[in-house]
Amino acid sequence: MVTAFVMIQTATDSIPESAQQISEIEGISEVYSVAGDWDLIAVARVHKHEDLAEVIANRLSKIPGIRQTQTHIAFRAYSAHDLEAAFSLGLDD
């Protein structure tokens, strides 16, 4: 599974509508409204790198109101939950 984080700038008056349309794209698992330089962050999860082109370039970037995107591809995920599961022996305290 390939995970990518897409930072999105949109027209100010179309943030909710853009977020809704983005969330309906197959391959987009989550969309967050955020503060800062970007208006939205979408999480894309696809099977192959090539699928990102369809999800981001061919679908997401063509939504009306989208002004700019920047995509960051994840190499590895780290979280306390994942690390705990990896080192757990299945013993209860």
C-alpha atoms as a PDB file:
ATOM      1  CA  MET A   1       0.000   0.000   0.000  1.00  0.00           C
ATOM      2  CA  VAL A   2       1.296   3.440  -0.955  1.00  0.00           C
ATOM      3  CA  THR A   3       0.308   6.383   1.260  1.00  0.00           C
ATOM      4  CA  ALA A   4       0.596   9.998   0.170  1.00  0.00           C
ATOM      5  CA  PHE A   5      -0.315  13.254   1.884  1.00  0.00           C
ATOM      6  CA  VAL A   6      -1.646  15.917  -0.461  1.00  0.00           C
ATOM      7  CA  MET A   7      -1.497  19.531   0.695  1.00  0.00           C
ATOM      8  CA  ILE A   8      -4.204  21.524  -1.083  1.00  0.00           C
ATOM      9  CA  GLN A   9      -4.863  25.225  -1.582  1.00  0.00           C
ATOM     10  CA  THR A  10      -8.360  26.060  -2.716  1.00  0.00           C
ATOM     11  CA  ALA A  11     -10.475  29.121  -3.316  1.00  0.00           C
ATOM     12  CA  THR A  12     -11.489  30.335   0.142  1.00  0.00           C
ATOM     13  CA  ASP A  13     -15.193  30.184  -0.598  1.00  0.00           C
ATOM     14  CA  SER A  14     -15.052  26.575  -1.829  1.00  0.00           C
ATOM     15  CA  ILE A  15     -13.203  24.774   0.982  1.00  0.00           C
ATOM     16  CA  PRO A  16     -16.164  22.677   2.233  1.00  0.00           C
ATOM     17  CA  GLU A  17     -17.346  21.785  -1.282  1.00  0.00           C
ATOM     18  CA  SER A  18     -13.810  20.903  -2.418  1.00  0.00           C
ATOM     19  CA  ALA A  19     -13.256  18.766   0.681  1.00  0.00           C
ATOM     20  CA  GLN A  20     -16.490  16.870   0.048  1.00  0.00           C
ATOM     21  CA  GLN A  21     -15.641  16.225  -3.608  1.00  0.00           C
ATOM     22  CA  ILE A  22     -12.108  15.117  -2.727  1.00  0.00           C
ATOM     23  CA  SER A  23     -13.399  12.721  -0.054  1.00  0.00           C
ATOM     24  CA  GLU A  24     -15.547  11.001  -2.700  1.00  0.00           C
ATOM     25  CA  ILE A  25     -12.530  10.099  -4.884  1.00  0.00           C
ATOM     26  CA  GLU A  26     -11.658   6.420  -4.757  1.00  0.00           C
ATOM     27  CA  GLY A  27      -8.198   6.185  -3.208  1.00  0.00           C
ATOM     28  CA  ILE A  28      -8.686   9.151  -0.857  1.00  0.00           C
ATOM     29  CA  SER A  29      -9.181   7.850   2.676  1.00  0.00           C
ATOM     30  CA  GLU A  30      -9.402  11.130   4.604  1.00  0.00           C
ATOM     31  CA  VAL A  31      -9.578  14.883   4.061  1.00  0.00           C
ATOM     32  CA  TYR A  32      -8.740  17.394   6.792  1.00  0.00           C
ATOM     33  CA  SER A  33      -9.439  21.113   6.922  1.00  0.00           C
ATOM     34  CA  VAL A  34      -6.311  22.701   8.420  1.00  0.00           C
ATOM     35  CA  ALA A  35      -4.840  26.044   9.466  1.00  0.00           C
ATOM     36  CA  GLY A  36      -1.667  27.456   7.936  1.00  0.00           C
ATOM     37  CA  ASP A  37      -0.394  27.743   4.378  1.00  0.00           C
ATOM     38  CA  TRP A  38      -2.700  24.982   3.104  1.00  0.00           C
ATOM     39  CA  ASP A  39      -6.486  24.751   3.302  1.00  0.00           C
ATOM     40  CA  LEU A  40      -6.883  20.980   3.152  1.00  0.00           C
ATOM     41  CA  ILE A  41      -4.776  17.870   3.573  1.00  0.00           C
ATOM     42  CA  ALA A  42      -5.938  14.675   1.882  1.00  0.00           C
ATOM     43  CA  VAL A  43      -4.601  11.215   2.633  1.00  0.00           C
ATOM     44  CA  ALA A  44      -4.361   8.996  -0.442  1.00  0.00           C
ATOM     45  CA  ARG A  45      -3.932   5.256  -0.026  1.00  0.00           C
ATOM     46  CA  VAL A  46      -3.444   3.265  -3.228  1.00  0.00           C
ATOM     47  CA  HIS A  47      -1.962  -0.079  -4.235  1.00  0.00           C
ATOM     48  CA  LYS A  48       0.731   1.201  -6.618  1.00  0.00           C
ATOM     49  CA  HIS A  49       2.646   4.415  -7.167  1.00  0.00           C
ATOM     50  CA  GLU A  50       1.139   4.624 -10.648  1.00  0.00           C
ATOM     51  CA  ASP A  51      -2.328   4.845  -9.080  1.00  0.00           C
ATOM     52  CA  LEU A  52      -1.371   8.189  -7.517  1.00  0.00           C
ATOM     53  CA  ALA A  53      -1.366   9.763 -10.966  1.00  0.00           C
ATOM     54  CA  GLU A  54      -4.998   8.809 -11.471  1.00  0.00           C
ATOM     55  CA  VAL A  55      -6.112   9.875  -7.985  1.00  0.00           C
ATOM     56  CA  ILE A  56      -4.165  13.135  -7.696  1.00  0.00           C
ATOM     57  CA  ALA A  57      -3.315  14.427 -11.175  1.00  0.00           C
ATOM     58  CA  ASN A  58      -6.341  13.157 -13.081  1.00  0.00           C
ATOM     59  CA  ARG A  59      -9.085  13.542 -10.471  1.00  0.00           C
ATOM     60  CA  LEU A  60      -8.215  15.632  -7.386  1.00  0.00           C
ATOM     61  CA  SER A  61      -6.396  18.446  -9.152  1.00  0.00           C
ATOM     62  CA  LYS A  62      -9.281  18.906 -11.606  1.00  0.00           C
ATOM     63  CA  ILE A  63     -11.882  19.678  -8.942  1.00  0.00           C
ATOM     64  CA  PRO A  64     -13.182  23.252  -9.369  1.00  0.00           C
ATOM     65  CA  GLY A  65     -11.680  25.600  -6.789  1.00  0.00           C
ATOM     66  CA  ILE A  66      -8.398  23.696  -6.382  1.00  0.00           C
ATOM     67  CA  ARG A  67      -5.572  26.194  -6.894  1.00  0.00           C
ATOM     68  CA  GLN A  68      -2.444  24.254  -5.956  1.00  0.00           C
ATOM     69  CA  THR A  69      -1.384  20.875  -4.585  1.00  0.00           C
ATOM     70  CA  GLN A  70       1.807  19.461  -3.152  1.00  0.00           C
ATOM     71  CA  THR A  71       2.183  15.719  -2.641  1.00  0.00           C
ATOM     72  CA  HIS A  72       4.356  13.949  -0.069  1.00  0.00           C
ATOM     73  CA  ILE A  73       4.773  10.186  -0.436  1.00  0.00           C
ATOM     74  CA  ALA A  74       5.252   8.263   2.807  1.00  0.00           C
ATOM     75  CA  PHE A  75       8.088   5.747   3.053  1.00  0.00           C
ATOM     76  CA  ARG A  76       7.217   4.237   6.421  1.00  0.00           C
ATOM     77  CA  ALA A  77       4.672   4.755   9.213  1.00  0.00           C
ATOM     78  CA  TYR A  78       5.636   5.118  12.849  1.00  0.00           C
ATOM     79  CA  SER A  79       3.143   5.296  15.677  1.00  0.00           C
ATOM     80  CA  ALA A  80       3.042   4.332  19.338  1.00  0.00           C
ATOM     81  CA  HIS A  81       0.213   1.910  18.559  1.00  0.00           C
ATOM     82  CA  ASP A  82       2.188   0.132  15.809  1.00  0.00           C
ATOM     83  CA  LEU A  83       5.365  -0.065  17.881  1.00  0.00           C
ATOM     84  CA  GLU A  84       3.486  -1.448  20.875  1.00  0.00           C
ATOM     85  CA  ALA A  85       1.928  -4.175  18.728  1.00  0.00           C
ATOM     86  CA  ALA A  86       5.284  -5.059  17.185  1.00  0.00           C
ATOM     87  CA  PHE A  87       6.972  -5.595  20.543  1.00  0.00           C
ATOM     88  CA  SER A  88       4.028  -7.115  22.398  1.00  0.00           C
ATOM     89  CA  LEU A  89       4.337 -10.748  23.412  1.00  0.00           C
ATOM     90  CA  GLY A  90       0.619 -10.992  23.946  1.00  0.00           C
ATOM     91  CA  LEU A  91       0.993 -11.107  27.713  1.00  0.00           C
ATOM     92  CA  ASP A  92      -1.535  -9.327  29.887  1.00  0.00           C
ATOM     93  CA  ASP A  93      -0.306  -7.226  32.820  1.00  0.00           C
END
